[in-house]
């Protein structure tokens, strides 16, 4: 069934739009891209970017596509997926984070995670 009543809930939609802005900002910062550089990369004003990153204004479709292309990320890094897929989301995020790491660093990180998981159970 495709009907999802929550898509008609303006509060949830606003939360989703805010999360998209936050995700863009976090990814931009993670990549060490300044606001002005990102504005140049996307041909979107720095003021407009700041406004949607901080939930003051909504982001339009064209701006969203420009941001995703400029950041060179999969759309699911920016656009939140359903909570029912949270483990898949974590796995994708983990893979995205480690993609440029040396194998030794990834192994060390995995060992730390395994130890943390043991202590958290």
C-alpha atoms as a PDB file:
ATOM      1  CA  UNK A   1       0.000   0.000   0.000  1.00  0.00           C
ATOM      2  CA  UNK A   2       1.386   3.389  -0.975  1.00  0.00           C
ATOM      3  CA  UNK A   3      -0.861   5.561   1.178  1.00  0.00           C
ATOM      4  CA  UNK A   4       1.065   7.072   4.057  1.00  0.00           C
ATOM      5  CA  UNK A   5      -1.008   9.466   6.145  1.00  0.00           C
ATOM      6  CA  UNK A   6       2.117  11.005   7.682  1.00  0.00           C
ATOM      7  CA  UNK A   7       2.985  12.656   4.363  1.00  0.00           C
ATOM      8  CA  UNK A   8       0.037  14.968   4.940  1.00  0.00           C
ATOM      9  CA  UNK A   9       1.279  16.008   8.388  1.00  0.00           C
ATOM     10  CA  UNK A  10       2.837  19.463   7.911  1.00  0.00           C
ATOM     11  CA  UNK A  11       4.792  19.150  11.163  1.00  0.00           C
ATOM     12  CA  UNK A  12       6.507  15.974   9.930  1.00  0.00           C
ATOM     13  CA  UNK A  13       7.175  17.517   6.533  1.00  0.00           C
ATOM     14  CA  UNK A  14       8.729  20.577   8.179  1.00  0.00           C
ATOM     15  CA  UNK A  15      10.917  18.307  10.336  1.00  0.00           C
ATOM     16  CA  UNK A  16      12.025  16.446   7.208  1.00  0.00           C
ATOM     17  CA  UNK A  17      12.867  19.678   5.385  1.00  0.00           C
ATOM     18  CA  UNK A  18      14.801  20.919   8.429  1.00  0.00           C
ATOM     19  CA  UNK A  19      16.727  17.631   8.566  1.00  0.00           C
ATOM     20  CA  UNK A  20      17.643  17.979   4.879  1.00  0.00           C
ATOM     21  CA  UNK A  21      19.103  21.424   5.578  1.00  0.00           C
ATOM     22  CA  UNK A  22      21.031  20.100   8.575  1.00  0.00           C
ATOM     23  CA  UNK A  23      22.363  17.180   6.536  1.00  0.00           C
ATOM     24  CA  UNK A  24      23.562  19.524   3.788  1.00  0.00           C
ATOM     25  CA  UNK A  25      25.333  21.705   6.335  1.00  0.00           C
ATOM     26  CA  UNK A  26      26.901  18.724   8.121  1.00  0.00           C
ATOM     27  CA  UNK A  27      28.156  17.238   4.854  1.00  0.00           C
ATOM     28  CA  UNK A  28      29.474  20.589   3.655  1.00  0.00           C
ATOM     29  CA  UNK A  29      31.364  21.047   6.915  1.00  0.00           C
ATOM     30  CA  UNK A  30      32.578  17.431   6.885  1.00  0.00           C
ATOM     31  CA  UNK A  31      34.091  18.104   3.459  1.00  0.00           C
ATOM     32  CA  UNK A  32      35.654  21.366   4.707  1.00  0.00           C
ATOM     33  CA  UNK A  33      33.710  23.465   2.193  1.00  0.00           C
ATOM     34  CA  UNK A  34      33.076  27.033   3.308  1.00  0.00           C
ATOM     35  CA  UNK A  35      29.671  28.605   2.859  1.00  0.00           C
ATOM     36  CA  UNK A  36      31.003  31.005   0.208  1.00  0.00           C
ATOM     37  CA  UNK A  37      32.806  28.237  -1.698  1.00  0.00           C
ATOM     38  CA  UNK A  38      29.617  26.133  -1.614  1.00  0.00           C
ATOM     39  CA  UNK A  39      27.659  29.135  -2.910  1.00  0.00           C
ATOM     40  CA  UNK A  40      30.091  29.375  -5.831  1.00  0.00           C
ATOM     41  CA  UNK A  41      29.894  25.613  -6.478  1.00  0.00           C
ATOM     42  CA  UNK A  42      26.080  25.602  -6.570  1.00  0.00           C
ATOM     43  CA  UNK A  43      25.320  29.063  -7.935  1.00  0.00           C
ATOM     44  CA  UNK A  44      23.047  29.600  -4.922  1.00  0.00           C
ATOM     45  CA  UNK A  45      23.512  32.692  -2.761  1.00  0.00           C
ATOM     46  CA  UNK A  46      25.327  32.163   0.539  1.00  0.00           C
ATOM     47  CA  UNK A  47      22.379  33.788   2.321  1.00  0.00           C
ATOM     48  CA  UNK A  48      19.913  31.318   0.802  1.00  0.00           C
ATOM     49  CA  UNK A  49      22.162  28.365   1.675  1.00  0.00           C
ATOM     50  CA  UNK A  50      22.529  29.590   5.237  1.00  0.00           C
ATOM     51  CA  UNK A  51      18.765  30.046   5.474  1.00  0.00           C
ATOM     52  CA  UNK A  52      17.925  26.493   4.411  1.00  0.00           C
ATOM     53  CA  UNK A  53      20.809  24.960   6.371  1.00  0.00           C
ATOM     54  CA  UNK A  54      19.450  26.628   9.501  1.00  0.00           C
ATOM     55  CA  UNK A  55      15.761  25.926   8.876  1.00  0.00           C
ATOM     56  CA  UNK A  56      14.815  29.542   8.197  1.00  0.00           C
ATOM     57  CA  UNK A  57      13.719  28.909   4.591  1.00  0.00           C
ATOM     58  CA  UNK A  58      12.839  25.767   2.670  1.00  0.00           C
ATOM     59  CA  UNK A  59      15.046  24.393  -0.071  1.00  0.00           C
ATOM     60  CA  UNK A  60      13.671  24.144  -3.595  1.00  0.00           C
ATOM     61  CA  UNK A  61      14.087  21.091  -5.776  1.00  0.00           C
ATOM     62  CA  UNK A  62      16.674  22.690  -8.073  1.00  0.00           C
ATOM     63  CA  UNK A  63      18.751  23.863  -5.101  1.00  0.00           C
ATOM     64  CA  UNK A  64      18.534  20.433  -3.500  1.00  0.00           C
ATOM     65  CA  UNK A  65      19.783  18.763  -6.683  1.00  0.00           C
ATOM     66  CA  UNK A  66      22.599  21.323  -7.017  1.00  0.00           C
ATOM     67  CA  UNK A  67      23.648  20.713  -3.401  1.00  0.00           C
ATOM     68  CA  UNK A  68      23.701  16.922  -3.811  1.00  0.00           C
ATOM     69  CA  UNK A  69      25.725  17.200  -7.033  1.00  0.00           C
ATOM     70  CA  UNK A  70      28.158  19.734  -5.557  1.00  0.00           C
ATOM     71  CA  UNK A  71      28.711  17.575  -2.479  1.00  0.00           C
ATOM     72  CA  UNK A  72      29.119  14.505  -4.695  1.00  0.00           C
ATOM     73  CA  UNK A  73      27.026  12.329  -2.390  1.00  0.00           C
ATOM     74  CA  UNK A  74      24.196   9.889  -2.751  1.00  0.00           C
ATOM     75  CA  UNK A  75      20.807  11.568  -2.190  1.00  0.00           C
ATOM     76  CA  UNK A  76      20.162   9.324   0.824  1.00  0.00           C
ATOM     77  CA  UNK A  77      23.077  11.027   2.620  1.00  0.00           C
ATOM     78  CA  UNK A  78      21.065  14.260   2.471  1.00  0.00           C
ATOM     79  CA  UNK A  79      17.441  13.094   2.320  1.00  0.00           C
ATOM     80  CA  UNK A  80      16.423  11.074   5.389  1.00  0.00           C
ATOM     81  CA  UNK A  81      15.014   7.635   4.710  1.00  0.00           C
ATOM     82  CA  UNK A  82      12.285   5.906   6.691  1.00  0.00           C
ATOM     83  CA  UNK A  83      13.074   5.016  10.287  1.00  0.00           C
ATOM     84  CA  UNK A  84      12.199   1.387   9.531  1.00  0.00           C
ATOM     85  CA  UNK A  85      15.390   1.302   7.469  1.00  0.00           C
ATOM     86  CA  UNK A  86      17.523   2.791  10.230  1.00  0.00           C
ATOM     87  CA  UNK A  87      20.067  -0.054  10.354  1.00  0.00           C
ATOM     88  CA  UNK A  88      20.581   0.187   6.600  1.00  0.00           C
ATOM     89  CA  UNK A  89      21.010   3.922   6.997  1.00  0.00           C
ATOM     90  CA  UNK A  90      23.659   3.387   9.694  1.00  0.00           C
ATOM     91  CA  UNK A  91      25.480   0.874   7.512  1.00  0.00           C
ATOM     92  CA  UNK A  92      25.479   3.255   4.539  1.00  0.00           C
ATOM     93  CA  UNK A  93      26.671   6.122   6.700  1.00  0.00           C
ATOM     94  CA  UNK A  94      29.455   3.961   8.159  1.00  0.00           C
ATOM     95  CA  UNK A  95      30.557   2.872   4.681  1.00  0.00           C
ATOM     96  CA  UNK A  96      30.481   6.465   3.507  1.00  0.00           C
ATOM     97  CA  UNK A  97      32.628   7.579   6.453  1.00  0.00           C
ATOM     98  CA  UNK A  98      35.260   4.876   5.983  1.00  0.00           C
ATOM     99  CA  UNK A  99      35.443   4.957   2.182  1.00  0.00           C
ATOM    100  CA  UNK A 100      38.690   6.953   2.092  1.00  0.00           C
ATOM    101  CA  UNK A 101      40.298   5.484   5.202  1.00  0.00           C
ATOM    102  CA  UNK A 102      43.318   3.195   5.140  1.00  0.00           C
ATOM    103  CA  UNK A 103      42.499  -0.502   5.801  1.00  0.00           C
ATOM    104  CA  UNK A 104      44.493  -0.421   9.041  1.00  0.00           C
ATOM    105  CA  UNK A 105      42.406   2.479  10.310  1.00  0.00           C
ATOM    106  CA  UNK A 106      39.163   0.708   9.361  1.00  0.00           C
ATOM    107  CA  UNK A 107      40.269  -2.450  11.199  1.00  0.00           C
ATOM    108  CA  UNK A 108      41.165  -0.410  14.265  1.00  0.00           C
ATOM    109  CA  UNK A 109      37.788   1.334  14.163  1.00  0.00           C
ATOM    110  CA  UNK A 110      35.994  -2.015  13.856  1.00  0.00           C
ATOM    111  CA  UNK A 111      37.891  -3.353  16.862  1.00  0.00           C
ATOM    112  CA  UNK A 112      36.870  -0.310  18.877  1.00  0.00           C
ATOM    113  CA  UNK A 113      33.240  -0.742  17.830  1.00  0.00           C
ATOM    114  CA  UNK A 114      33.257  -4.429  18.720  1.00  0.00           C
ATOM    115  CA  UNK A 115      34.674  -3.654  22.172  1.00  0.00           C
ATOM    116  CA  UNK A 116      32.157  -0.874  22.672  1.00  0.00           C
ATOM    117  CA  UNK A 117      29.312  -3.175  21.619  1.00  0.00           C
ATOM    118  CA  UNK A 118      30.425  -5.848  24.116  1.00  0.00           C
ATOM    119  CA  UNK A 119      30.449  -3.310  26.937  1.00  0.00           C
ATOM    120  CA  UNK A 120      27.084  -1.864  25.921  1.00  0.00           C
ATOM    121  CA  UNK A 121      25.143  -5.129  26.076  1.00  0.00           C
END
